[in-house]
PDB file of all heavy atoms in Angstrom:
ATOM      1  N   ASP A   1       0.797  -1.237   0.000  1.00  0.00           N
ATOM      2  CA  ASP A   1       0.000   0.000   0.000  1.00  0.00           C
ATOM      3  C   ASP A   1       0.825   1.281   0.000  1.00  0.00           C
ATOM      4  O   ASP A   1       0.467   2.240  -0.673  1.00  0.00           O
ATOM      5  CB  ASP A   1      -0.932   0.037   1.215  1.00  0.00           C
ATOM      6  CG  ASP A   1      -2.134  -0.865   1.045  1.00  0.00           C
ATOM      7  OD1 ASP A   1      -2.471  -1.207  -0.097  1.00  0.00           O
ATOM      8  OD2 ASP A   1      -2.736  -1.222   2.070  1.00  0.00           O
ATOM      9  N   ARG A   2       1.893   1.297   0.758  1.00  0.00           N
ATOM     10  CA  ARG A   2       2.666   2.538   0.866  1.00  0.00           C
ATOM     11  C   ARG A   2       3.313   2.947  -0.445  1.00  0.00           C
ATOM     12  O   ARG A   2       3.631   4.122  -0.635  1.00  0.00           O
ATOM     13  CB  ARG A   2       3.704   2.428   1.983  1.00  0.00           C
ATOM     14  CG  ARG A   2       3.031   2.475   3.356  1.00  0.00           C
ATOM     15  CD  ARG A   2       4.007   2.440   4.495  1.00  0.00           C
ATOM     16  NE  ARG A   2       4.903   3.583   4.492  1.00  0.00           N
ATOM     17  CZ  ARG A   2       6.050   3.614   5.181  1.00  0.00           C
ATOM     18  NH1 ARG A   2       6.422   2.580   5.906  1.00  0.00           N
ATOM     19  NH2 ARG A   2       6.813   4.683   5.138  1.00  0.00           N
ATOM     20  N   ILE A   3       3.473   2.015  -1.366  1.00  0.00           N
ATOM     21  CA  ILE A   3       3.995   2.383  -2.687  1.00  0.00           C
ATOM     22  C   ILE A   3       3.024   3.367  -3.350  1.00  0.00           C
ATOM     23  O   ILE A   3       3.439   4.293  -4.040  1.00  0.00           O
ATOM     24  CB  ILE A   3       4.216   1.134  -3.564  1.00  0.00           C
ATOM     25  CG1 ILE A   3       5.359   0.292  -2.993  1.00  0.00           C
ATOM     26  CG2 ILE A   3       4.496   1.502  -5.015  1.00  0.00           C
ATOM     27  CD1 ILE A   3       6.696   0.989  -2.931  1.00  0.00           C
ATOM     28  N   GLY A   4       1.742   3.182  -3.135  1.00  0.00           N
ATOM     29  CA  GLY A   4       0.751   4.125  -3.655  1.00  0.00           C
ATOM     30  C   GLY A   4       0.993   5.538  -3.143  1.00  0.00           C
ATOM     31  O   GLY A   4       0.851   6.513  -3.889  1.00  0.00           O
ATOM     32  N   ASN A   5       1.390   5.672  -1.878  1.00  0.00           N
ATOM     33  CA  ASN A   5       1.711   6.986  -1.323  1.00  0.00           C
ATOM     34  C   ASN A   5       2.938   7.582  -2.006  1.00  0.00           C
ATOM     35  O   ASN A   5       2.978   8.792  -2.282  1.00  0.00           O
ATOM     36  CB  ASN A   5       1.978   6.883   0.187  1.00  0.00           C
ATOM     37  CG  ASN A   5       0.778   6.386   0.955  1.00  0.00           C
ATOM     38  OD1 ASN A   5      -0.353   6.448   0.495  1.00  0.00           O
ATOM     39  ND2 ASN A   5       1.025   5.867   2.145  1.00  0.00           N
ATOM     40  N   ILE A   6       3.936   6.758  -2.264  1.00  0.00           N
ATOM     41  CA  ILE A   6       5.156   7.223  -2.931  1.00  0.00           C
ATOM     42  C   ILE A   6       4.801   7.706  -4.339  1.00  0.00           C
ATOM     43  O   ILE A   6       5.276   8.747  -4.789  1.00  0.00           O
ATOM     44  CB  ILE A   6       6.206   6.089  -2.995  1.00  0.00           C
ATOM     45  CG1 ILE A   6       6.544   5.550  -1.601  1.00  0.00           C
ATOM     46  CG2 ILE A   6       7.453   6.530  -3.740  1.00  0.00           C
ATOM     47  CD1 ILE A   6       6.963   6.568  -0.595  1.00  0.00           C
ATOM     48  N   ILE A   7       3.959   6.951  -5.026  1.00  0.00           N
ATOM     49  CA  ILE A   7       3.554   7.333  -6.379  1.00  0.00           C
ATOM     50  C   ILE A   7       2.812   8.670  -6.359  1.00  0.00           C
ATOM     51  O   ILE A   7       3.052   9.532  -7.216  1.00  0.00           O
ATOM     52  CB  ILE A   7       2.716   6.211  -7.032  1.00  0.00           C
ATOM     53  CG1 ILE A   7       3.619   5.015  -7.330  1.00  0.00           C
ATOM     54  CG2 ILE A   7       2.006   6.703  -8.287  1.00  0.00           C
ATOM     55  CD1 ILE A   7       2.892   3.753  -7.738  1.00  0.00           C
ATOM     56  N   LYS A   8       1.931   8.865  -5.393  1.00  0.00           N
ATOM     57  CA  LYS A   8       1.224  10.149  -5.284  1.00  0.00           C
ATOM     58  C   LYS A   8       2.217  11.295  -5.100  1.00  0.00           C
ATOM     59  O   LYS A   8       2.061  12.368  -5.686  1.00  0.00           O
ATOM     60  CB  LYS A   8       0.241  10.111  -4.122  1.00  0.00           C
ATOM     61  CG  LYS A   8      -0.985   9.281  -4.393  1.00  0.00           C
ATOM     62  CD  LYS A   8      -1.889   9.207  -3.175  1.00  0.00           C
ATOM     63  CE  LYS A   8      -3.009   8.208  -3.396  1.00  0.00           C
ATOM     64  NZ  LYS A   8      -3.784   7.959  -2.190  1.00  0.00           N
ATOM     65  N   MET A   9       3.239  11.073  -4.295  1.00  0.00           N
ATOM     66  CA  MET A   9       4.256  12.109  -4.077  1.00  0.00           C
ATOM     67  C   MET A   9       5.032  12.367  -5.373  1.00  0.00           C
ATOM     68  O   MET A   9       5.337  13.520  -5.702  1.00  0.00           O
ATOM     69  CB  MET A   9       5.200  11.691  -2.944  1.00  0.00           C
ATOM     70  CG  MET A   9       4.501  11.637  -1.583  1.00  0.00           C
ATOM     71  SD  MET A   9       5.427  10.751  -0.303  1.00  0.00           S
ATOM     72  CE  MET A   9       6.813  11.826  -0.044  1.00  0.00           C
ATOM     73  N   MET A  10       5.340  11.308  -6.114  1.00  0.00           N
ATOM     74  CA  MET A  10       6.069  11.475  -7.376  1.00  0.00           C
ATOM     75  C   MET A  10       5.236  12.248  -8.401  1.00  0.00           C
ATOM     76  O   MET A  10       5.775  13.050  -9.159  1.00  0.00           O
ATOM     77  CB  MET A  10       6.464  10.109  -7.947  1.00  0.00           C
ATOM     78  CG  MET A  10       7.563   9.431  -7.190  1.00  0.00           C
ATOM     79  SD  MET A  10       7.915   7.814  -7.936  1.00  0.00           S
ATOM     80  CE  MET A  10       9.602   7.566  -7.383  1.00  0.00           C
ATOM     81  N   LYS A  11       3.938  12.003  -8.405  1.00  0.00           N
ATOM     82  CA  LYS A  11       3.069  12.681  -9.365  1.00  0.00           C
ATOM     83  C   LYS A  11       2.988  14.188  -9.107  1.00  0.00           C
ATOM     84  O   LYS A  11       2.617  14.943 -10.004  1.00  0.00           O
ATOM     85  CB  LYS A  11       1.671  12.062  -9.341  1.00  0.00           C
ATOM     86  CG  LYS A  11       1.626  10.706 -10.025  1.00  0.00           C
ATOM     87  CD  LYS A  11       0.224  10.119 -10.008  1.00  0.00           C
ATOM     88  CE  LYS A  11       0.167   8.819 -10.775  1.00  0.00           C
ATOM     89  NZ  LYS A  11      -1.181   8.229 -10.791  1.00  0.00           N
ATOM     90  N   GLN A  12       3.364  14.609  -7.926  1.00  0.00           N
ATOM     91  CA  GLN A  12       3.387  16.044  -7.614  1.00  0.00           C
ATOM     92  C   GLN A  12       4.592  16.735  -8.254  1.00  0.00           C
ATOM     93  O   GLN A  12       4.651  17.960  -8.296  1.00  0.00           O
ATOM     94  CB  GLN A  12       3.398  16.256  -6.104  1.00  0.00           C
ATOM     95  CG  GLN A  12       2.114  15.824  -5.441  1.00  0.00           C
ATOM     96  CD  GLN A  12       2.185  15.869  -3.920  1.00  0.00           C
ATOM     97  OE1 GLN A  12       3.196  16.220  -3.328  1.00  0.00           O
ATOM     98  NE2 GLN A  12       1.086  15.487  -3.291  1.00  0.00           N
ATOM     99  N   ASN A  13       5.553  15.959  -8.737  1.00  0.00           N
ATOM    100  CA  ASN A  13       6.748  16.504  -9.373  1.00  0.00           C
ATOM    101  C   ASN A  13       7.049  15.681 -10.638  1.00  0.00           C
ATOM    102  O   ASN A  13       8.056  14.970 -10.697  1.00  0.00           O
ATOM    103  CB  ASN A  13       7.928  16.457  -8.390  1.00  0.00           C
ATOM    104  CG  ASN A  13       9.128  17.223  -8.878  1.00  0.00           C
ATOM    105  OD1 ASN A  13       9.169  17.683 -10.023  1.00  0.00           O
ATOM    106  ND2 ASN A  13      10.132  17.344  -8.031  1.00  0.00           N
ATOM    107  N   PRO A  14       6.167  15.756 -11.642  1.00  0.00           N
ATOM    108  CA  PRO A  14       6.293  14.883 -12.814  1.00  0.00           C
ATOM    109  C   PRO A  14       7.599  15.059 -13.586  1.00  0.00           C
ATOM    110  O   PRO A  14       8.114  14.089 -14.146  1.00  0.00           O
ATOM    111  CB  PRO A  14       5.083  15.238 -13.675  1.00  0.00           C
ATOM    112  CG  PRO A  14       4.608  16.556 -13.175  1.00  0.00           C
ATOM    113  CD  PRO A  14       5.029  16.663 -11.745  1.00  0.00           C
ATOM    114  N   GLU A  15       8.149  16.246 -13.616  1.00  0.00           N
ATOM    115  CA  GLU A  15       9.398  16.461 -14.363  1.00  0.00           C
ATOM    116  C   GLU A  15      10.544  15.665 -13.736  1.00  0.00           C
ATOM    117  O   GLU A  15      11.338  15.046 -14.441  1.00  0.00           O
ATOM    118  CB  GLU A  15       9.736  17.954 -14.409  1.00  0.00           C
ATOM    119  CG  GLU A  15      10.906  18.286 -15.300  1.00  0.00           C
ATOM    120  CD  GLU A  15      10.726  17.866 -16.765  1.00  0.00           C
ATOM    121  OE1 GLU A  15       9.596  17.836 -17.270  1.00  0.00           O
ATOM    122  OE2 GLU A  15      11.749  17.558 -17.400  1.00  0.00           O
ATOM    123  N   ARG A  16      10.611  15.657 -12.418  1.00  0.00           N
ATOM    124  CA  ARG A  16      11.686  14.929 -11.717  1.00  0.00           C
ATOM    125  C   ARG A  16      11.616  13.426 -11.986  1.00  0.00           C
ATOM    126  O   ARG A  16      12.642  12.765 -12.092  1.00  0.00           O
ATOM    127  CB  ARG A  16      11.576  15.180 -10.202  1.00  0.00           C
ATOM    128  CG  ARG A  16      12.442  14.260  -9.351  1.00  0.00           C
ATOM    129  CD  ARG A  16      13.673  14.955  -8.856  1.00  0.00           C
ATOM    130  NE  ARG A  16      14.380  14.189  -7.843  1.00  0.00           N
ATOM    131  CZ  ARG A  16      15.611  13.725  -8.008  1.00  0.00           C
ATOM    132  NH1 ARG A  16      16.274  13.945  -9.135  1.00  0.00           N
ATOM    133  NH2 ARG A  16      16.210  13.053  -7.048  1.00  0.00           N
ATOM    134  N   TYR A  17      10.404  12.889 -12.090  1.00  0.00           N
ATOM    135  CA  TYR A  17      10.230  11.435 -12.166  1.00  0.00           C
ATOM    136  C   TYR A  17       9.804  10.945 -13.549  1.00  0.00           C
ATOM    137  O   TYR A  17       9.380   9.806 -13.687  1.00  0.00           O
ATOM    138  CB  TYR A  17       9.226  10.987 -11.100  1.00  0.00           C
ATOM    139  CG  TYR A  17       9.681  11.375  -9.717  1.00  0.00           C
ATOM    140  CD1 TYR A  17       9.076  12.423  -9.028  1.00  0.00           C
ATOM    141  CD2 TYR A  17      10.741  10.705  -9.109  1.00  0.00           C
ATOM    142  CE1 TYR A  17       9.521  12.793  -7.770  1.00  0.00           C
ATOM    143  CE2 TYR A  17      11.182  11.079  -7.846  1.00  0.00           C
ATOM    144  CZ  TYR A  17      10.572  12.118  -7.190  1.00  0.00           C
ATOM    145  OH  TYR A  17      11.014  12.494  -5.944  1.00  0.00           O
ATOM    146  N   LYS A  18       9.948  11.780 -14.572  1.00  0.00           N
ATOM    147  CA  LYS A  18       9.460  11.408 -15.902  1.00  0.00           C
ATOM    148  C   LYS A  18      10.159  10.175 -16.466  1.00  0.00           C
ATOM    149  O   LYS A  18       9.567   9.438 -17.251  1.00  0.00           O
ATOM    150  CB  LYS A  18       9.560  12.579 -16.872  1.00  0.00           C
ATOM    151  CG  LYS A  18      10.971  12.971 -17.246  1.00  0.00           C
ATOM    152  CD  LYS A  18      10.988  14.152 -18.186  1.00  0.00           C
ATOM    153  CE  LYS A  18      12.437  14.540 -18.480  1.00  0.00           C
ATOM    154  NZ  LYS A  18      12.489  15.755 -19.253  1.00  0.00           N
ATOM    155  N   ASN A  19      11.392   9.902 -16.086  1.00  0.00           N
ATOM    156  CA  ASN A  19      12.127   8.746 -16.597  1.00  0.00           C
ATOM    157  C   ASN A  19      12.168   7.578 -15.604  1.00  0.00           C
ATOM    158  O   ASN A  19      12.856   6.591 -15.846  1.00  0.00           O
ATOM    159  CB  ASN A  19      13.556   9.146 -16.971  1.00  0.00           C
ATOM    160  CG  ASN A  19      13.574  10.148 -18.104  1.00  0.00           C
ATOM    161  OD1 ASN A  19      12.813  10.021 -19.065  1.00  0.00           O
ATOM    162  ND2 ASN A  19      14.410  11.158 -17.993  1.00  0.00           N
ATOM    163  N   PHE A  20      11.444   7.714 -14.506  1.00  0.00           N
ATOM    164  CA  PHE A  20      11.484   6.683 -13.474  1.00  0.00           C
ATOM    165  C   PHE A  20      10.573   5.518 -13.858  1.00  0.00           C
ATOM    166  O   PHE A  20       9.467   5.712 -14.346  1.00  0.00           O
ATOM    167  CB  PHE A  20      11.043   7.269 -12.125  1.00  0.00           C
ATOM    168  CG  PHE A  20      11.399   6.390 -10.964  1.00  0.00           C
ATOM    169  CD1 PHE A  20      12.688   6.363 -10.466  1.00  0.00           C
ATOM    170  CD2 PHE A  20      10.445   5.577 -10.382  1.00  0.00           C
ATOM    171  CE1 PHE A  20      13.019   5.547  -9.397  1.00  0.00           C
ATOM    172  CE2 PHE A  20      10.763   4.756  -9.318  1.00  0.00           C
ATOM    173  CZ  PHE A  20      12.055   4.739  -8.822  1.00  0.00           C
ATOM    174  N   LYS A  21      11.063   4.306 -13.625  1.00  0.00           N
ATOM    175  CA  LYS A  21      10.306   3.100 -13.964  1.00  0.00           C
ATOM    176  C   LYS A  21      10.054   2.273 -12.713  1.00  0.00           C
ATOM    177  O   LYS A  21      10.942   2.116 -11.874  1.00  0.00           O
ATOM    178  CB  LYS A  21      11.079   2.247 -14.971  1.00  0.00           C
ATOM    179  CG  LYS A  21      11.351   2.900 -16.286  1.00  0.00           C
ATOM    180  CD  LYS A  21      12.195   1.966 -17.155  1.00  0.00           C
ATOM    181  CE  LYS A  21      12.988   2.703 -18.178  1.00  0.00           C
ATOM    182  NZ  LYS A  21      14.245   3.233 -17.700  1.00  0.00           N
ATOM    183  N   PHE A  22       8.860   1.744 -12.627  1.00  0.00           N
ATOM    184  CA  PHE A  22       8.522   0.771 -11.588  1.00  0.00           C
ATOM    185  C   PHE A  22       8.437  -0.600 -12.238  1.00  0.00           C
ATOM    186  O   PHE A  22       7.922  -0.734 -13.351  1.00  0.00           O
ATOM    187  CB  PHE A  22       7.162   1.090 -10.955  1.00  0.00           C
ATOM    188  CG  PHE A  22       7.184   2.210  -9.975  1.00  0.00           C
ATOM    189  CD1 PHE A  22       6.857   3.500 -10.366  1.00  0.00           C
ATOM    190  CD2 PHE A  22       7.530   1.982  -8.647  1.00  0.00           C
ATOM    191  CE1 PHE A  22       6.871   4.538  -9.456  1.00  0.00           C
ATOM    192  CE2 PHE A  22       7.545   3.013  -7.733  1.00  0.00           C
ATOM    193  CZ  PHE A  22       7.215   4.298  -8.136  1.00  0.00           C
ATOM    194  N   HIS A  23       8.903  -1.605 -11.525  1.00  0.00           N
ATOM    195  CA  HIS A  23       8.689  -2.996 -11.911  1.00  0.00           C
ATOM    196  C   HIS A  23       7.871  -3.626 -10.795  1.00  0.00           C
ATOM    197  O   HIS A  23       8.420  -4.179  -9.849  1.00  0.00           O
ATOM    198  CB  HIS A  23      10.018  -3.742 -12.084  1.00  0.00           C
ATOM    199  CG  HIS A  23      10.790  -3.355 -13.296  1.00  0.00           C
ATOM    200  ND1 HIS A  23      11.923  -4.014 -13.693  1.00  0.00           N
ATOM    201  CD2 HIS A  23      10.599  -2.379 -14.225  1.00  0.00           C
ATOM    202  CE1 HIS A  23      12.395  -3.473 -14.798  1.00  0.00           C
ATOM    203  NE2 HIS A  23      11.606  -2.469 -15.129  1.00  0.00           N
ATOM    204  N   PRO A  24       6.548  -3.524 -10.899  1.00  0.00           N
ATOM    205  CA  PRO A  24       5.692  -4.093  -9.848  1.00  0.00           C
ATOM    206  C   PRO A  24       5.825  -5.611  -9.774  1.00  0.00           C
ATOM    207  O   PRO A  24       6.001  -6.281 -10.790  1.00  0.00           O
ATOM    208  CB  PRO A  24       4.281  -3.705 -10.272  1.00  0.00           C
ATOM    209  CG  PRO A  24       4.426  -2.708 -11.359  1.00  0.00           C
ATOM    210  CD  PRO A  24       5.776  -2.889 -11.954  1.00  0.00           C
ATOM    211  N   CYS A  25       5.715  -6.126  -8.572  1.00  0.00           N
ATOM    212  CA  CYS A  25       5.745  -7.555  -8.315  1.00  0.00           C
ATOM    213  C   CYS A  25       4.487  -7.884  -7.518  1.00  0.00           C
ATOM    214  O   CYS A  25       4.270  -7.311  -6.445  1.00  0.00           O
ATOM    215  CB  CYS A  25       7.006  -7.890  -7.529  1.00  0.00           C
ATOM    216  SG  CYS A  25       7.144  -9.606  -7.095  1.00  0.00           S
ATOM    217  N   MET A  26       3.656  -8.755  -8.055  1.00  0.00           N
ATOM    218  CA  MET A  26       2.355  -9.010  -7.437  1.00  0.00           C
ATOM    219  C   MET A  26       2.050 -10.488  -7.336  1.00  0.00           C
ATOM    220  O   MET A  26       2.674 -11.274  -8.037  1.00  0.00           O
ATOM    221  CB  MET A  26       1.274  -8.308  -8.250  1.00  0.00           C
ATOM    222  CG  MET A  26       1.150  -8.829  -9.669  1.00  0.00           C
ATOM    223  SD  MET A  26      -0.099  -8.027 -10.654  1.00  0.00           S
ATOM    224  CE  MET A  26       0.563  -6.417 -10.898  1.00  0.00           C
ATOM    225  N   PRO A  27       1.115 -10.850  -6.513  1.00  0.00           N
ATOM    226  CA  PRO A  27       0.308 -10.032  -5.589  1.00  0.00           C
ATOM    227  C   PRO A  27       1.009  -9.855  -4.241  1.00  0.00           C
ATOM    228  O   PRO A  27       1.890 -10.626  -3.885  1.00  0.00           O
ATOM    229  CB  PRO A  27      -0.956 -10.876  -5.406  1.00  0.00           C
ATOM    230  CG  PRO A  27      -0.469 -12.285  -5.492  1.00  0.00           C
ATOM    231  CD  PRO A  27       0.665 -12.255  -6.502  1.00  0.00           C
ATOM    232  N   TYR A  28       0.573  -8.847  -3.517  1.00  0.00           N
ATOM    233  CA  TYR A  28       1.025  -8.640  -2.144  1.00  0.00           C
ATOM    234  C   TYR A  28      -0.120  -9.104  -1.246  1.00  0.00           C
ATOM    235  O   TYR A  28      -1.012  -8.333  -0.900  1.00  0.00           O
ATOM    236  CB  TYR A  28       1.394  -7.177  -1.902  1.00  0.00           C
ATOM    237  CG  TYR A  28       2.042  -6.983  -0.559  1.00  0.00           C
ATOM    238  CD1 TYR A  28       3.350  -7.410  -0.357  1.00  0.00           C
ATOM    239  CD2 TYR A  28       1.358  -6.414   0.491  1.00  0.00           C
ATOM    240  CE1 TYR A  28       3.954  -7.265   0.881  1.00  0.00           C
ATOM    241  CE2 TYR A  28       1.958  -6.262   1.729  1.00  0.00           C
ATOM    242  CZ  TYR A  28       3.251  -6.687   1.918  1.00  0.00           C
ATOM    243  OH  TYR A  28       3.849  -6.549   3.144  1.00  0.00           O
ATOM    244  N   ALA A  29      -0.114 -10.380  -0.926  1.00  0.00           N
ATOM    245  CA  ALA A  29      -1.258 -11.013  -0.264  1.00  0.00           C
ATOM    246  C   ALA A  29      -1.586 -10.419   1.091  1.00  0.00           C
ATOM    247  O   ALA A  29      -2.757 -10.328   1.471  1.00  0.00           O
ATOM    248  CB  ALA A  29      -0.996 -12.515  -0.135  1.00  0.00           C
ATOM    249  N   HIS A  30      -0.568 -10.000   1.849  1.00  0.00           N
ATOM    250  CA  HIS A  30      -0.833  -9.429   3.181  1.00  0.00           C
ATOM    251  C   HIS A  30      -1.714  -8.187   3.094  1.00  0.00           C
ATOM    252  O   HIS A  30      -2.479  -7.899   3.999  1.00  0.00           O
ATOM    253  CB  HIS A  30       0.475  -9.089   3.896  1.00  0.00           C
ATOM    254  CG  HIS A  30       1.302 -10.296   4.205  1.00  0.00           C
ATOM    255  ND1 HIS A  30       0.910 -11.248   5.115  1.00  0.00           N
ATOM    256  CD2 HIS A  30       2.489 -10.708   3.718  1.00  0.00           C
ATOM    257  CE1 HIS A  30       1.822 -12.186   5.180  1.00  0.00           C
ATOM    258  NE2 HIS A  30       2.796 -11.890   4.333  1.00  0.00           N
ATOM    259  N   LYS A  31      -1.589  -7.463   1.978  1.00  0.00           N
ATOM    260  CA  LYS A  31      -2.403  -6.261   1.785  1.00  0.00           C
ATOM    261  C   LYS A  31      -3.884  -6.618   1.840  1.00  0.00           C
ATOM    262  O   LYS A  31      -4.672  -5.948   2.501  1.00  0.00           O
ATOM    263  CB  LYS A  31      -2.036  -5.635   0.436  1.00  0.00           C
ATOM    264  CG  LYS A  31      -2.952  -4.520  -0.007  1.00  0.00           C
ATOM    265  CD  LYS A  31      -2.455  -3.839  -1.270  1.00  0.00           C
ATOM    266  CE  LYS A  31      -2.415  -4.743  -2.451  1.00  0.00           C
ATOM    267  NZ  LYS A  31      -1.980  -4.050  -3.680  1.00  0.00           N
ATOM    268  N   TYR A  32      -4.263  -7.694   1.171  1.00  0.00           N
ATOM    269  CA  TYR A  32      -5.659  -8.086   1.130  1.00  0.00           C
ATOM    270  C   TYR A  32      -6.133  -8.646   2.471  1.00  0.00           C
ATOM    271  O   TYR A  32      -7.242  -8.368   2.907  1.00  0.00           O
ATOM    272  CB  TYR A  32      -5.909  -9.093   0.001  1.00  0.00           C
ATOM    273  CG  TYR A  32      -5.623  -8.474  -1.343  1.00  0.00           C
ATOM    274  CD1 TYR A  32      -4.497  -8.830  -2.065  1.00  0.00           C
ATOM    275  CD2 TYR A  32      -6.454  -7.496  -1.866  1.00  0.00           C
ATOM    276  CE1 TYR A  32      -4.221  -8.240  -3.285  1.00  0.00           C
ATOM    277  CE2 TYR A  32      -6.184  -6.902  -3.088  1.00  0.00           C
ATOM    278  CZ  TYR A  32      -5.063  -7.282  -3.791  1.00  0.00           C
ATOM    279  OH  TYR A  32      -4.787  -6.697  -4.986  1.00  0.00           O
ATOM    280  N   ALA A  33      -5.280  -9.403   3.118  1.00  0.00           N
ATOM    281  CA  ALA A  33      -5.644  -9.948   4.433  1.00  0.00           C
ATOM    282  C   ALA A  33      -5.858  -8.811   5.435  1.00  0.00           C
ATOM    283  O   ALA A  33      -6.851  -8.803   6.182  1.00  0.00           O
ATOM    284  CB  ALA A  33      -4.558 -10.901   4.931  1.00  0.00           C
ATOM    285  N   ASN A  34      -4.969  -7.838   5.437  1.00  0.00           N
ATOM    286  CA  ASN A  34      -5.114  -6.691   6.346  1.00  0.00           C
ATOM    287  C   ASN A  34      -6.348  -5.867   6.010  1.00  0.00           C
ATOM    288  O   ASN A  34      -7.076  -5.414   6.904  1.00  0.00           O
ATOM    289  CB  ASN A  34      -3.864  -5.810   6.302  1.00  0.00           C
ATOM    290  CG  ASN A  34      -2.650  -6.498   6.873  1.00  0.00           C
ATOM    291  OD1 ASN A  34      -2.756  -7.467   7.616  1.00  0.00           O
ATOM    292  ND2 ASN A  34      -1.480  -6.005   6.519  1.00  0.00           N
ATOM    293  N   ALA A  35      -6.587  -5.663   4.721  1.00  0.00           N
ATOM    294  CA  ALA A  35      -7.754  -4.865   4.311  1.00  0.00           C
ATOM    295  C   ALA A  35      -9.048  -5.549   4.712  1.00  0.00           C
ATOM    296  O   ALA A  35     -10.001  -4.879   5.139  1.00  0.00           O
ATOM    297  CB  ALA A  35      -7.716  -4.618   2.802  1.00  0.00           C
ATOM    298  N   MET A  36      -9.103  -6.863   4.571  1.00  0.00           N
ATOM    299  CA  MET A  36     -10.323  -7.591   4.954  1.00  0.00           C
ATOM    300  C   MET A  36     -10.599  -7.395   6.444  1.00  0.00           C
ATOM    301  O   MET A  36     -11.751  -7.237   6.844  1.00  0.00           O
ATOM    302  CB  MET A  36     -10.170  -9.081   4.640  1.00  0.00           C
ATOM    303  CG  MET A  36     -10.119  -9.383   3.165  1.00  0.00           C
ATOM    304  SD  MET A  36     -11.690  -9.204   2.354  1.00  0.00           S
ATOM    305  CE  MET A  36     -12.446 -10.735   2.802  1.00  0.00           C
ATOM    306  N   THR A  37      -9.548  -7.377   7.239  1.00  0.00           N
ATOM    307  CA  THR A  37      -9.701  -7.181   8.678  1.00  0.00           C
ATOM    308  C   THR A  37     -10.168  -5.764   8.987  1.00  0.00           C
ATOM    309  O   THR A  37     -11.054  -5.559   9.807  1.00  0.00           O
ATOM    310  CB  THR A  37      -8.359  -7.444   9.397  1.00  0.00           C
ATOM    311  OG1 THR A  37      -7.964  -8.787   9.114  1.00  0.00           O
ATOM    312  CG2 THR A  37      -8.491  -7.266  10.891  1.00  0.00           C
ATOM    313  N   GLU A  38      -9.585  -4.783   8.318  1.00  0.00           N
ATOM    314  CA  GLU A  38      -9.873  -3.382   8.607  1.00  0.00           C
ATOM    315  C   GLU A  38     -11.121  -2.852   7.905  1.00  0.00           C
ATOM    316  O   GLU A  38     -11.854  -2.051   8.470  1.00  0.00           O
ATOM    317  CB  GLU A  38      -8.674  -2.515   8.225  1.00  0.00           C
ATOM    318  CG  GLU A  38      -7.452  -2.782   9.073  1.00  0.00           C
ATOM    319  CD  GLU A  38      -6.229  -2.019   8.591  1.00  0.00           C
ATOM    320  OE1 GLU A  38      -6.397  -1.029   7.834  1.00  0.00           O
ATOM    321  OE2 GLU A  38      -5.117  -2.414   8.965  1.00  0.00           O
ATOM    322  N   LEU A  39     -11.342  -3.274   6.639  1.00  0.00           N
ATOM    323  CA  LEU A  39     -12.397  -2.678   5.809  1.00  0.00           C
ATOM    324  C   LEU A  39     -13.576  -3.608   5.550  1.00  0.00           C
ATOM    325  O   LEU A  39     -14.602  -3.155   5.056  1.00  0.00           O
ATOM    326  CB  LEU A  39     -11.812  -2.238   4.456  1.00  0.00           C
ATOM    327  CG  LEU A  39     -10.615  -1.287   4.497  1.00  0.00           C
ATOM    328  CD1 LEU A  39     -10.036  -1.112   3.101  1.00  0.00           C
ATOM    329  CD2 LEU A  39     -11.024   0.046   5.092  1.00  0.00           C
ATOM    330  N   GLY A  40     -13.406  -4.891   5.805  1.00  0.00           N
ATOM    331  CA  GLY A  40     -14.443  -5.861   5.465  1.00  0.00           C
ATOM    332  C   GLY A  40     -14.378  -6.199   3.983  1.00  0.00           C
ATOM    333  O   GLY A  40     -13.584  -5.633   3.227  1.00  0.00           O
ATOM    334  N   ILE A  41     -15.240  -7.113   3.560  1.00  0.00           N
ATOM    335  CA  ILE A  41     -15.213  -7.585   2.171  1.00  0.00           C
ATOM    336  C   ILE A  41     -15.558  -6.468   1.199  1.00  0.00           C
ATOM    337  O   ILE A  41     -14.827  -6.195   0.247  1.00  0.00           O
ATOM    338  CB  ILE A  41     -16.171  -8.774   1.982  1.00  0.00           C
ATOM    339  CG1 ILE A  41     -15.671  -9.974   2.787  1.00  0.00           C
ATOM    340  CG2 ILE A  41     -16.315  -9.136   0.507  1.00  0.00           C
ATOM    341  CD1 ILE A  41     -16.647 -11.123   2.856  1.00  0.00           C
ATOM    342  N   VAL A  42     -16.660  -5.780   1.426  1.00  0.00           N
ATOM    343  CA  VAL A  42     -17.105  -4.732   0.507  1.00  0.00           C
ATOM    344  C   VAL A  42     -16.099  -3.581   0.491  1.00  0.00           C
ATOM    345  O   VAL A  42     -15.749  -3.064  -0.579  1.00  0.00           O
ATOM    346  CB  VAL A  42     -18.521  -4.237   0.874  1.00  0.00           C
ATOM    347  CG1 VAL A  42     -18.909  -3.053   0.007  1.00  0.00           C
ATOM    348  CG2 VAL A  42     -19.532  -5.361   0.715  1.00  0.00           C
ATOM    349  N   GLY A  43     -15.620  -3.189   1.653  1.00  0.00           N
ATOM    350  CA  GLY A  43     -14.629  -2.115   1.727  1.00  0.00           C
ATOM    351  C   GLY A  43     -13.353  -2.459   0.979  1.00  0.00           C
ATOM    352  O   GLY A  43     -12.762  -1.615   0.298  1.00  0.00           O
ATOM    353  N   THR A  44     -12.910  -3.703   1.092  1.00  0.00           N
ATOM    354  CA  THR A  44     -11.713  -4.145   0.386  1.00  0.00           C
ATOM    355  C   THR A  44     -11.933  -4.102  -1.119  1.00  0.00           C
ATOM    356  O   THR A  44     -11.071  -3.631  -1.870  1.00  0.00           O
ATOM    357  CB  THR A  44     -11.314  -5.575   0.825  1.00  0.00           C
ATOM    358  OG1 THR A  44     -11.051  -5.551   2.233  1.00  0.00           O
ATOM    359  CG2 THR A  44     -10.086  -6.074   0.082  1.00  0.00           C
TER     360      THR A  44
END
């Protein structure tokens, strides 16, 4: 999840990060397990 926060920060300075590349690796299963606990099924 915190990668989403980093991306939001990067989008605030598009010129600085225009050549930056992400190589996402998925899935991050703990994210879904934690979300189910905190948000429930519909919230997740």
